[in-house]
Amino acid sequence: MTNKELLYIEDALGHECFMKSCAQKKANQFSDPTLVSYVKELEQKHTDLFSKFMNLL
């Protein structure tokens, strides 16, 4: 992999980690069960994307 590609993956990993963290925080703040469920799905999606980027390394 080139240095540029590694920098892209590093940036993507940081983004996915940030999005997962935001989803975790917000899921605990909502009282609507439907909204909580949706945000937890988003959290799982970002966890999966993080894992996929890690597998590239």
N, C-alpha and C. Protein backbone atom coordinates (compact mmCIF):
# COMPACT_ATOMS: atom_id res chain seq x y z
N MET A 1 0.84 -1.19 0.00
CA MET A 1 0.00 0.00 0.00
C MET A 1 0.88 1.25 0.00
N THR A 2 0.41 2.24 -0.68
CA THR A 2 1.16 3.50 -0.71
C THR A 2 0.91 4.28 0.58
N ASN A 3 1.75 5.26 0.80
CA ASN A 3 1.60 6.11 1.98
C ASN A 3 0.26 6.85 1.95
N LYS A 4 -0.14 7.28 0.77
CA LYS A 4 -1.40 8.01 0.62
C LYS A 4 -2.59 7.10 0.99
N GLU A 5 -2.55 5.85 0.56
CA GLU A 5 -3.61 4.90 0.88
C GLU A 5 -3.67 4.64 2.38
N LEU A 6 -2.51 4.52 3.01
CA LEU A 6 -2.49 4.30 4.46
C LEU A 6 -3.05 5.50 5.22
N LEU A 7 -2.74 6.69 4.74
CA LEU A 7 -3.30 7.89 5.36
C LEU A 7 -4.82 7.93 5.22
N TYR A 8 -5.33 7.50 4.07
CA TYR A 8 -6.78 7.45 3.86
C TYR A 8 -7.42 6.47 4.83
N ILE A 9 -6.83 5.31 4.98
CA ILE A 9 -7.38 4.30 5.90
C ILE A 9 -7.32 4.81 7.34
N GLU A 10 -6.23 5.46 7.70
CA GLU A 10 -6.13 6.02 9.05
C GLU A 10 -7.23 7.05 9.30
N ASP A 11 -7.48 7.90 8.32
CA ASP A 11 -8.54 8.90 8.43
C ASP A 11 -9.91 8.23 8.54
N ALA A 12 -10.13 7.21 7.73
CA ALA A 12 -11.41 6.50 7.77
C ALA A 12 -11.61 5.80 9.11
N LEU A 13 -10.55 5.23 9.66
CA LEU A 13 -10.65 4.57 10.98
C LEU A 13 -11.03 5.59 12.06
N GLY A 14 -10.40 6.76 12.01
CA GLY A 14 -10.73 7.81 12.97
C GLY A 14 -12.17 8.27 12.84
N HIS A 15 -12.64 8.39 11.61
CA HIS A 15 -14.03 8.80 11.37
C HIS A 15 -15.00 7.76 11.92
N GLU A 16 -14.76 6.49 11.63
CA GLU A 16 -15.66 5.44 12.11
C GLU A 16 -15.65 5.35 13.63
N CYS A 17 -14.49 5.53 14.23
CA CYS A 17 -14.40 5.50 15.69
C CYS A 17 -15.21 6.67 16.30
N PHE A 18 -15.08 7.85 15.69
CA PHE A 18 -15.83 9.02 16.14
C PHE A 18 -17.34 8.82 16.00
N MET A 19 -17.76 8.29 14.86
CA MET A 19 -19.19 8.08 14.63
C MET A 19 -19.77 7.04 15.60
N LYS A 20 -19.01 5.99 15.86
CA LYS A 20 -19.45 4.98 16.82
C LYS A 20 -19.60 5.60 18.21
N SER A 21 -18.64 6.40 18.60
CA SER A 21 -18.68 7.07 19.90
C SER A 21 -19.89 8.00 20.01
N CYS A 22 -20.16 8.75 18.97
CA CYS A 22 -21.33 9.66 18.96
C CYS A 22 -22.63 8.86 19.08
N ALA A 23 -22.72 7.76 18.36
CA ALA A 23 -23.94 6.94 18.41
C ALA A 23 -24.14 6.36 19.80
N GLN A 24 -23.06 5.91 20.43
CA GLN A 24 -23.17 5.36 21.79
C GLN A 24 -23.69 6.41 22.77
N LYS A 25 -23.14 7.61 22.68
CA LYS A 25 -23.56 8.68 23.59
C LYS A 25 -25.02 9.06 23.37
N LYS A 26 -25.42 9.19 22.12
CA LYS A 26 -26.79 9.62 21.82
C LYS A 26 -27.81 8.53 22.14
N ALA A 27 -27.46 7.29 21.96
CA ALA A 27 -28.40 6.20 22.27
C ALA A 27 -28.81 6.24 23.74
N ASN A 28 -27.90 6.66 24.59
CA ASN A 28 -28.20 6.73 26.02
C ASN A 28 -29.02 7.96 26.39
N GLN A 29 -29.12 8.92 25.49
CA GLN A 29 -29.85 10.15 25.79
C GLN A 29 -31.30 10.12 25.32
N PHE A 30 -31.64 9.26 24.38
CA PHE A 30 -32.99 9.22 23.84
C PHE A 30 -33.90 8.35 24.69
N SER A 31 -35.16 8.72 24.73
CA SER A 31 -36.13 7.92 25.47
C SER A 31 -37.06 7.13 24.54
N ASP A 32 -37.15 7.55 23.29
CA ASP A 32 -37.99 6.86 22.31
C ASP A 32 -37.32 5.55 21.90
N PRO A 33 -37.96 4.40 22.17
CA PRO A 33 -37.34 3.11 21.87
C PRO A 33 -37.02 2.91 20.39
N THR A 34 -37.84 3.45 19.50
CA THR A 34 -37.58 3.32 18.07
C THR A 34 -36.32 4.07 17.68
N LEU A 35 -36.18 5.26 18.22
CA LEU A 35 -35.00 6.07 17.94
C LEU A 35 -33.74 5.43 18.53
N VAL A 36 -33.85 4.92 19.73
CA VAL A 36 -32.72 4.23 20.38
C VAL A 36 -32.29 3.04 19.53
N SER A 37 -33.26 2.28 19.05
CA SER A 37 -32.96 1.11 18.22
C SER A 37 -32.24 1.52 16.94
N TYR A 38 -32.70 2.57 16.30
CA TYR A 38 -32.08 3.05 15.06
C TYR A 38 -30.64 3.50 15.31
N VAL A 39 -30.43 4.25 16.38
CA VAL A 39 -29.08 4.75 16.69
C VAL A 39 -28.15 3.58 17.02
N LYS A 40 -28.67 2.56 17.68
CA LYS A 40 -27.84 1.38 17.96
C LYS A 40 -27.49 0.64 16.68
N GLU A 41 -28.39 0.63 15.71
CA GLU A 41 -28.09 0.05 14.40
C GLU A 41 -26.96 0.84 13.72
N LEU A 42 -27.03 2.15 13.82
CA LEU A 42 -25.96 2.99 13.26
C LEU A 42 -24.63 2.70 13.95
N GLU A 43 -24.68 2.53 15.26
CA GLU A 43 -23.46 2.20 16.01
C GLU A 43 -22.87 0.89 15.50
N GLN A 44 -23.71 -0.10 15.29
CA GLN A 44 -23.24 -1.39 14.80
C GLN A 44 -22.68 -1.27 13.38
N LYS A 45 -23.32 -0.45 12.56
CA LYS A 45 -22.84 -0.25 11.20
C LYS A 45 -21.44 0.35 11.20
N HIS A 46 -21.21 1.34 12.06
CA HIS A 46 -19.89 1.97 12.13
C HIS A 46 -18.86 1.03 12.75
N THR A 47 -19.28 0.18 13.65
CA THR A 47 -18.37 -0.85 14.20
C THR A 47 -17.95 -1.81 13.09
N ASP A 48 -18.90 -2.22 12.27
CA ASP A 48 -18.60 -3.12 11.15
C ASP A 48 -17.67 -2.46 10.14
N LEU A 49 -17.93 -1.20 9.83
CA LEU A 49 -17.07 -0.49 8.88
C LEU A 49 -15.65 -0.34 9.44
N PHE A 50 -15.54 -0.08 10.73
CA PHE A 50 -14.23 0.02 11.37
C PHE A 50 -13.48 -1.30 11.21
N SER A 51 -14.17 -2.40 11.44
CA SER A 51 -13.55 -3.72 11.31
C SER A 51 -13.11 -3.99 9.87
N LYS A 52 -13.92 -3.58 8.91
CA LYS A 52 -13.56 -3.78 7.51
C LYS A 52 -12.31 -3.00 7.13
N PHE A 53 -12.21 -1.77 7.62
CA PHE A 53 -11.02 -0.98 7.34
C PHE A 53 -9.79 -1.60 8.02
N MET A 54 -9.97 -2.11 9.23
CA MET A 54 -8.85 -2.75 9.93
C MET A 54 -8.38 -3.99 9.17
N ASN A 55 -9.30 -4.70 8.55
CA ASN A 55 -8.94 -5.89 7.78
C ASN A 55 -8.11 -5.55 6.54
N LEU A 56 -8.21 -4.33 6.07
CA LEU A 56 -7.39 -3.91 4.94
C LEU A 56 -5.91 -3.86 5.31
N LEU A 57 -5.67 -3.64 6.58
CA LEU A 57 -4.28 -3.56 7.03
C LEU A 57 -3.75 -4.96 7.24
